[in-house]
Protein backbone atom coordinates (compact mmCIF):
# COMPACT_ATOMS: atom_id res chain seq x y z
CA MET A 1 273.85 66.84 23.63
CA PRO A 2 276.63 69.39 24.19
CA ILE A 3 280.09 68.71 22.79
CA SER A 4 283.35 70.10 24.17
CA VAL A 5 286.90 70.02 22.83
CA ILE A 6 289.96 68.91 24.80
CA ARG A 7 292.43 71.81 25.07
CA ALA A 8 296.09 72.09 25.97
CA LYS A 9 297.08 70.18 29.09
CA GLY A 10 293.90 68.09 28.84
CA GLN A 11 291.57 70.95 29.78
CA LEU A 12 287.88 70.55 29.02
CA THR A 13 285.18 73.20 29.32
CA ILE A 14 281.93 71.87 30.75
CA PRO A 15 279.04 73.78 29.13
CA ALA A 16 277.31 76.35 31.36
CA ASP A 17 273.93 74.57 31.35
CA VAL A 18 275.59 71.32 32.48
CA ARG A 19 277.55 73.15 35.23
CA GLN A 20 274.35 74.80 36.46
CA ALA A 21 272.40 71.53 36.47
CA ALA A 22 275.22 69.81 38.42
CA HIS A 23 275.68 72.82 40.76
CA LEU A 24 279.35 73.05 39.74
CA GLU A 25 281.35 76.20 40.39
CA GLU A 26 284.94 77.19 39.72
CA GLY A 27 287.29 75.28 42.01
CA ASP A 28 284.87 72.42 42.76
CA PRO A 29 286.48 68.97 42.84
CA VAL A 30 285.28 66.46 40.23
CA GLU A 31 285.97 62.73 40.39
CA ILE A 32 286.83 61.17 37.03
CA GLU A 33 286.22 57.48 36.36
CA VAL A 34 286.75 55.47 33.19
CA THR A 35 283.86 53.02 32.78
CA ALA A 36 282.88 50.47 30.16
CA ASP A 37 280.54 53.10 28.68
CA GLY A 38 283.04 55.98 28.63
CA ILE A 39 284.15 58.64 31.10
CA LEU A 40 282.08 59.49 34.16
CA LEU A 41 282.49 62.87 35.87
CA ARG A 42 281.16 62.96 39.43
CA PRO A 43 280.96 66.23 41.42
CA ARG A 44 282.66 65.87 44.82
CA LYS A 45 281.75 69.06 46.63
CA LEU A 46 283.00 69.31 50.16
CA ILE A 47 279.55 70.63 51.11
CA ASP A 48 276.44 68.84 49.91
CA ALA A 49 274.55 71.08 47.46
CA SER A 50 271.35 70.75 49.51
CA GLN A 51 273.19 72.24 52.52
CA ALA A 52 275.11 74.97 50.70
CA TRP A 53 272.67 77.69 51.85
CA PHE A 54 273.92 77.24 55.42
CA TRP A 55 277.49 78.02 54.36
CA SER A 56 276.62 81.09 52.29
CA PRO A 57 278.31 84.30 53.51
CA GLY A 58 275.00 85.92 54.50
CA TRP A 59 273.81 82.94 56.52
CA GLN A 60 277.19 82.54 58.22
CA GLU A 61 277.12 86.23 59.18
CA GLY A 62 273.77 85.61 60.90
CA GLU A 63 275.18 82.55 62.66
CA HIS A 64 278.09 84.61 64.01
CA GLU A 65 275.72 87.34 65.20
CA ALA A 66 273.53 84.76 66.94
CA SER A 67 276.56 83.16 68.61
CA ALA A 68 277.73 86.57 69.83
CA ASP A 69 274.26 87.31 71.25
CA ILE A 70 274.22 83.97 73.07
CA ALA A 71 277.74 84.50 74.46
CA ALA A 72 276.79 88.01 75.68
CA GLY A 73 273.60 86.77 77.33
CA ARG A 74 271.31 88.67 74.95
CA VAL A 75 268.80 85.83 74.87
CA THR A 76 265.56 84.90 76.57
CA THR A 77 264.16 81.48 77.33
CA SER A 78 260.60 80.25 77.65
CA ALA A 79 259.31 77.53 79.93
CA SER A 80 256.97 76.14 77.29
CA PRO A 81 255.90 76.64 73.69
CA GLU A 82 252.84 78.47 74.92
CA ALA A 83 254.96 80.86 76.99
CA PHE A 84 257.11 81.50 73.96
CA LEU A 85 254.11 82.35 71.82
CA GLU A 86 252.77 84.66 74.52
CA SER A 87 256.14 86.44 74.68
CA LEU A 88 255.83 87.31 71.00
CA ASP A 89 252.81 89.47 71.83
CA ASP A 90 254.81 91.49 74.40
C-alpha cells in the first residue's frame, strides 16, 4: 500500500498509480470525508470518466465540424435504413 507524506499547507501527493486508477488529473476536484475508518477521498469530476471521450478536444472538433455541416445544409437524409445502406454504395 502506497504511503504519502503531508507537506506544507496540508498538501498530499497521491501516488501516480492511484491517480491513474481513479482517473484523476491535475485540477480535478476531490471530496474529502472523515469517517470512522479514516479519511475517504472521493473524485468529483464534473464530467463522468466514462463520458470523458466525448469532451476530448479531438471529439469536440468533430462535433463542431458536424454542426457546421448541418447548419450549412451539407447533409443528406434517407427515407429508410435500407435507402441509407443503398446510398453508401453510390
